[in-house]
Amino acid sequence: MSTDRYGTDVLASDWRAPKRGRAVEAPAELGAVVEEVTTDWCGEIVAVDRDLHTLTLEDRRGKRRTFPLGPGFLLEGRPVILVAPPRGGAPAAPTRTASGSIAVAGAKARVARASRIFVEGRHDAELVEKVWGDDLRIEGVVVEYLGGVDDLADHLRDFKPGPQRRVGVLVDHLVRGSKESRIADAISRSPVGKDVLIVGHPFIDIWAAVKPERLGLQRWPDVPRTIEWKKGVCQQLGWPHRDQADIARAWKHILGKVSSYNDLDPALLGRVEELIDFVTVS
């Protein structure tokens, strides 16, 4: 009688199965703690964007990072394929706003203050709204865009700033010697200067305040001064740039990569927070 020296058929079972088991689908529930395996980033799920198919994790130090939904996560040590949670029912309330502030559950928007924040253009306003919108509504702060800083003095003359009508202004490319800095200095020395705070970031356009790596770039392209910056960026990145509709679509793509303050350069973050503090002081 012969014996089977090799035992049972090694192919009879799933010999390729990973040690931790095969990944199964799991809903990306707010508050769950998961680990992204390629980066070892571990954190609480604080946001899920169905349209962008992304989730945002916040680690124990309060830092945030956004990842695509799908495979590559560990939940309680087991591999999972994270999917957007099913619609319906009351979603768990996020613990933080996109700006990193503590979320106030059930808070209603405050009646708008007389004070305002002015930004240069529509894109600036949309970015501020996306990241700081929850905070601004609770504080009752309205953001208006000017269409450029050249006419800022005229806007202020019409608005008539005062102790209860403060104005904060966010200006692109506010660097020493620039046209923008000369306008800001003149207003600061004017009679309304004490009720107006003008701050700026060093970027030539608000697009560049978005971290380039969020778009898969090492850095934003260098655009010659003879070319309009937005069109030059689109041209160098191989994006359509024929008309304003193309520029609008490019901005929509860029804005879609922003889900929280962690997607923006710190040079912008502090300036916006400074303006909010200025116009909400009692």
Protein backbone atom coordinates (compact mmCIF):
# COMPACT_ATOMS: atom_id res chain seq x y z
CA MET A 1 0.00 0.00 0.00
CA SER A 2 1.59 3.33 -1.08
CA THR A 3 1.44 6.58 0.86
CA ASP A 4 1.11 10.10 -0.46
CA ARG A 5 4.40 11.65 0.64
CA TYR A 6 3.20 15.10 -0.47
CA GLY A 7 -0.09 15.11 1.42
CA THR A 8 -3.21 16.75 -0.03
CA ASP A 9 -3.30 18.83 -3.18
CA VAL A 10 -1.79 22.25 -2.34
CA LEU A 11 -3.90 23.82 -5.07
CA ALA A 12 -7.13 22.64 -3.50
CA SER A 13 -7.22 25.71 -1.23
CA ASP A 14 -6.69 29.40 -2.02
CA TRP A 15 -2.90 29.38 -1.56
CA ARG A 16 -2.67 32.93 -2.93
CA ALA A 17 -4.88 34.47 -0.24
CA PRO A 18 -3.05 37.21 1.70
CA LYS A 19 -2.33 36.60 5.38
CA ARG A 20 -4.79 39.28 6.49
CA GLY A 21 -7.51 37.98 4.19
CA ARG A 22 -8.93 39.38 1.01
CA ALA A 23 -10.23 42.94 0.93
CA VAL A 24 -13.97 43.37 1.27
CA GLU A 25 -16.08 46.45 0.64
CA ALA A 26 -16.81 48.64 3.65
CA PRO A 27 -18.58 52.01 3.92
CA ALA A 28 -16.33 55.00 4.65
CA GLU A 29 -18.19 56.07 7.78
CA LEU A 30 -17.31 59.38 9.36
CA GLY A 31 -15.45 58.79 12.61
CA ALA A 32 -13.97 55.43 11.60
CA VAL A 33 -10.18 55.12 11.96
CA VAL A 34 -8.40 53.55 8.98
CA GLU A 35 -4.87 53.21 7.63
CA GLU A 36 -3.84 53.88 4.02
CA VAL A 37 -1.38 51.10 3.28
CA THR A 38 0.87 52.75 0.67
CA THR A 39 1.69 55.73 2.92
CA ASP A 40 1.01 54.24 6.39
CA TRP A 41 -1.18 57.30 7.02
CA CYS A 42 -3.58 56.49 9.85
CA GLY A 43 -6.44 58.75 10.82
CA GLU A 44 -10.11 59.36 11.41
CA ILE A 45 -12.41 59.73 8.40
CA VAL A 46 -13.59 63.36 8.66
CA ALA A 47 -15.01 63.89 5.16
CA VAL A 48 -16.26 61.84 2.21
CA ASP A 49 -16.84 63.51 -1.16
CA ARG A 50 -19.08 61.44 -3.42
CA ASP A 51 -18.56 63.67 -6.46
CA LEU A 52 -14.76 63.62 -6.25
CA HIS A 53 -14.75 59.99 -5.02
CA THR A 54 -12.39 60.90 -2.16
CA LEU A 55 -12.16 60.72 1.61
CA THR A 56 -10.17 62.87 4.04
CA LEU A 57 -8.29 61.44 7.02
CA GLU A 58 -7.18 63.43 10.06
CA ASP A 59 -4.32 62.02 12.12
CA ARG A 60 -3.81 62.38 15.87
CA ARG A 61 -1.89 65.65 15.38
CA GLY A 62 -4.79 67.23 13.51
CA LYS A 63 -3.13 67.00 10.08
CA ARG A 64 -5.35 66.05 7.17
CA ARG A 65 -4.79 64.21 3.91
CA THR A 66 -7.15 63.27 1.10
CA PHE A 67 -7.16 59.87 -0.65
CA PRO A 68 -9.26 58.27 -3.40
CA LEU A 69 -12.00 55.93 -2.25
CA GLY A 70 -11.38 52.29 -3.12
CA PRO A 71 -8.87 49.61 -2.15
CA GLY A 72 -5.69 50.10 -0.15
CA PHE A 73 -7.02 50.65 3.38
CA LEU A 74 -6.94 48.71 6.64
CA LEU A 75 -9.90 48.83 9.01
CA GLU A 76 -9.27 47.19 12.39
CA GLY A 77 -6.25 45.53 10.81
CA ARG A 78 -8.18 43.98 7.92
CA PRO A 79 -7.95 45.08 4.26
CA VAL A 80 -11.02 46.89 2.97
CA ILE A 81 -12.25 48.60 -0.17
CA LEU A 82 -13.76 51.84 1.12
CA VAL A 83 -16.88 53.06 -0.65
CA ALA A 84 -19.13 56.03 -0.03
CA PRO A 85 -21.69 55.16 2.67
CA PRO A 86 -25.22 54.54 1.45
CA ARG A 87 -27.50 57.53 1.17
CA GLY A 88 -30.43 57.90 3.49
CA GLY A 89 -30.63 58.24 7.21
CA ALA A 90 -28.97 60.98 9.19
CA PRO A 91 -25.26 61.13 8.34
CA ALA A 92 -22.81 61.32 11.19
CA ALA A 93 -21.89 64.90 11.88
CA PRO A 94 -18.31 65.83 10.95
CA THR A 95 -16.12 66.73 13.90
CA ARG A 96 -14.26 69.48 12.02
CA THR A 97 -15.04 72.01 9.33
CA ALA A 98 -12.95 72.18 6.16
CA SER A 99 -10.92 74.99 7.77
CA GLY A 100 -10.01 72.74 10.72
CA SER A 101 -12.34 74.47 13.20
CA ILE A 102 -14.47 72.42 15.57
CA ALA A 103 -17.81 71.80 13.86
CA VAL A 104 -20.88 73.09 15.69
CA ALA A 105 -23.66 70.57 15.11
CA GLY A 106 -27.01 72.10 14.22
CA ALA A 107 -25.69 75.65 14.23
CA LYS A 108 -27.72 78.10 12.19
CA ALA A 109 -26.22 80.81 10.03
CA ARG A 110 -25.94 84.10 11.84
CA VAL A 111 -27.61 87.21 10.46
CA ALA A 112 -25.02 88.92 8.25
CA ARG A 113 -22.80 91.47 9.95
CA ALA A 114 -22.31 94.92 8.51
CA SER A 115 -18.60 94.12 8.18
CA ARG A 116 -17.39 92.43 5.00
CA ILE A 117 -14.46 90.59 3.48
CA PHE A 118 -13.50 91.66 -0.04
CA VAL A 119 -11.50 89.41 -2.36
CA GLU A 120 -10.25 90.20 -5.84
CA GLY A 121 -12.14 87.74 -8.00
CA ARG A 122 -14.73 85.00 -8.29
CA HIS A 123 -12.17 82.22 -7.93
CA ASP A 124 -10.86 83.73 -4.69
CA ALA A 125 -14.42 83.90 -3.33
CA GLU A 126 -15.16 80.29 -4.31
CA LEU A 127 -11.99 78.99 -2.65
CA VAL A 128 -12.67 80.93 0.56
CA GLU A 129 -16.24 79.64 0.58
CA LYS A 130 -15.18 76.02 0.10
CA VAL A 131 -12.70 76.01 2.99
CA TRP A 132 -14.07 78.64 5.37
CA GLY A 133 -17.76 78.70 4.40
CA ASP A 134 -19.04 76.99 7.56
CA ASP A 135 -17.07 79.36 9.79
CA LEU A 136 -18.22 82.43 7.87
CA ARG A 137 -21.89 81.49 8.10
CA ILE A 138 -21.68 80.95 11.87
CA GLU A 139 -19.93 84.32 12.23
CA GLY A 140 -22.30 86.09 9.84
CA VAL A 141 -19.55 87.27 7.51
CA VAL A 142 -20.28 87.92 3.83
CA VAL A 143 -17.51 87.62 1.22
CA GLU A 144 -17.74 89.85 -1.87
CA TYR A 145 -15.48 89.87 -4.90
CA LEU A 146 -14.29 93.08 -6.54
CA GLY A 147 -13.16 92.08 -10.00
CA GLY A 148 -9.68 93.43 -9.29
CA VAL A 149 -7.96 95.64 -6.73
CA ASP A 150 -7.53 98.75 -8.90
CA ASP A 151 -10.94 100.13 -7.87
CA LEU A 152 -10.66 99.18 -4.20
CA ALA A 153 -10.61 102.81 -3.04
CA ASP A 154 -13.88 103.48 -4.90
CA HIS A 155 -15.51 100.41 -3.36
CA LEU A 156 -14.47 101.53 0.12
CA ARG A 157 -15.75 105.03 -0.53
CA ASP A 158 -19.16 103.57 -1.38
CA PHE A 159 -19.12 101.11 1.51
CA LYS A 160 -18.10 103.73 4.14
CA PRO A 161 -16.10 101.58 6.62
CA GLY A 162 -16.37 102.37 10.31
CA PRO A 163 -15.92 100.74 13.75
CA GLN A 164 -19.06 98.61 13.19
CA ARG A 165 -18.51 98.26 9.41
CA ARG A 166 -15.02 96.88 9.20
CA VAL A 167 -13.60 95.64 5.93
CA GLY A 168 -11.00 92.95 5.42
CA VAL A 169 -9.40 92.70 1.99
CA LEU A 170 -7.50 89.73 0.54
CA VAL A 171 -5.16 90.77 -2.27
CA ASP A 172 -3.25 88.61 -4.75
CA HIS A 173 0.48 89.16 -5.20
CA LEU A 174 0.85 91.62 -2.31
CA VAL A 175 4.63 91.93 -2.37
CA ARG A 176 6.92 94.89 -1.78
CA GLY A 177 7.07 97.31 -4.70
CA SER A 178 4.05 95.91 -6.50
CA LYS A 179 1.08 97.94 -7.70
CA GLU A 180 -1.03 96.11 -5.13
CA SER A 181 1.25 97.16 -2.27
CA ARG A 182 1.09 100.82 -3.32
CA ILE A 183 -2.73 100.71 -3.34
CA ALA A 184 -2.77 99.02 0.08
CA ASP A 185 -0.34 101.58 1.58
CA ALA A 186 -2.41 104.51 0.30
CA ILE A 187 -5.62 103.12 1.82
CA SER A 188 -3.90 102.34 5.13
CA ARG A 189 -2.84 106.00 5.40
CA SER A 190 -6.33 107.28 4.50
CA PRO A 191 -9.02 108.30 7.04
CA VAL A 192 -10.69 104.85 6.77
CA GLY A 193 -7.41 103.00 7.22
CA LYS A 194 -8.04 102.07 10.87
CA ASP A 195 -11.22 100.20 9.91
CA VAL A 196 -9.75 98.43 6.90
CA LEU A 197 -7.27 95.56 7.02
CA ILE A 198 -5.57 94.65 3.75
CA VAL A 199 -3.57 91.44 3.73
CA GLY A 200 -2.22 89.45 0.85
CA HIS A 201 -0.46 86.33 -0.25
CA PRO A 202 2.64 86.15 -2.46
CA PHE A 203 1.00 84.16 -5.26
CA ILE A 204 0.37 85.87 -8.57
CA ASP A 205 -3.08 84.21 -8.62
CA ILE A 206 -5.23 82.34 -6.11
CA TRP A 207 -4.84 79.14 -8.19
CA ALA A 208 -1.26 78.88 -6.99
CA ALA A 209 -2.40 78.82 -3.35
CA VAL A 210 -3.54 75.23 -4.00
CA LYS A 211 -0.67 72.85 -3.29
CA PRO A 212 0.64 71.69 -6.68
CA GLU A 213 1.01 68.08 -5.55
CA ARG A 214 -2.78 67.90 -5.24
CA LEU A 215 -2.77 68.12 -9.05
CA GLY A 216 0.10 65.71 -9.47
CA LEU A 217 2.59 68.54 -10.05
CA GLN A 218 5.94 69.19 -8.39
CA ARG A 219 5.45 72.93 -8.80
CA TRP A 220 3.25 75.39 -10.62
CA PRO A 221 4.56 76.27 -14.10
CA ASP A 222 6.62 79.41 -14.67
CA VAL A 223 4.67 81.69 -17.01
CA PRO A 224 6.35 84.60 -18.87
CA ARG A 225 5.06 88.06 -17.94
CA THR A 226 3.93 88.56 -21.53
CA ILE A 227 1.30 85.79 -21.16
CA GLU A 228 -1.81 85.93 -18.99
CA TRP A 229 -0.93 83.68 -16.07
CA LYS A 230 -4.01 81.43 -16.06
CA LYS A 231 -3.84 80.84 -19.80
CA GLY A 232 -0.11 80.22 -19.57
CA VAL A 233 -0.62 77.63 -16.84
CA CYS A 234 -3.29 75.82 -18.86
CA GLN A 235 -1.09 75.92 -21.97
CA GLN A 236 1.93 74.44 -20.20
CA LEU A 237 -0.16 71.74 -18.54
CA GLY A 238 -1.78 70.79 -21.83
CA TRP A 239 -5.25 71.95 -20.80
CA PRO A 240 -7.67 73.74 -23.16
CA HIS A 241 -7.19 77.52 -22.84
CA ARG A 242 -8.88 79.07 -25.86
CA ASP A 243 -11.53 81.09 -24.04
CA GLN A 244 -12.96 81.95 -20.64
CA ALA A 245 -15.05 78.78 -20.61
CA ASP A 246 -11.83 76.74 -20.79
CA ILE A 247 -10.35 78.74 -17.92
CA ALA A 248 -13.52 78.20 -15.88
CA ARG A 249 -13.32 74.44 -16.46
CA ALA A 250 -9.66 74.44 -15.44
CA TRP A 251 -10.51 76.23 -12.20
CA LYS A 252 -13.35 73.79 -11.50
CA HIS A 253 -10.84 70.95 -11.84
CA ILE A 254 -8.38 72.68 -9.48
CA LEU A 255 -11.06 73.55 -6.92
CA GLY A 256 -12.24 69.95 -7.02
CA LYS A 257 -8.87 68.92 -5.58
CA VAL A 258 -9.46 71.04 -2.47
CA SER A 259 -11.40 69.49 0.40
CA SER A 260 -9.81 71.18 3.42
CA TYR A 261 -7.23 73.68 4.60
CA ASN A 262 -4.60 70.95 4.28
CA ASP A 263 -4.79 71.30 0.49
CA LEU A 264 -3.74 74.98 0.60
CA ASP A 265 -0.40 76.68 1.08
CA PRO A 266 0.06 77.99 4.65
CA ALA A 267 0.84 81.43 3.20
CA LEU A 268 -2.88 81.78 2.43
CA LEU A 269 -4.32 80.13 5.55
CA GLY A 270 -3.03 82.65 8.06
CA ARG A 271 -4.12 85.61 6.00
CA VAL A 272 -7.74 84.48 5.72
CA GLU A 273 -7.92 83.67 9.44
CA GLU A 274 -6.53 87.14 10.17
CA LEU A 275 -9.28 88.77 8.11
CA ILE A 276 -12.02 86.75 9.79
CA ASP A 277 -10.72 87.77 13.21
CA PHE A 278 -10.55 91.44 12.16
CA VAL A 279 -14.13 91.71 10.90
CA THR A 280 -15.68 89.69 13.75
CA VAL A 281 -14.12 91.57 16.65
CA SER A 282 -16.83 92.88 18.97
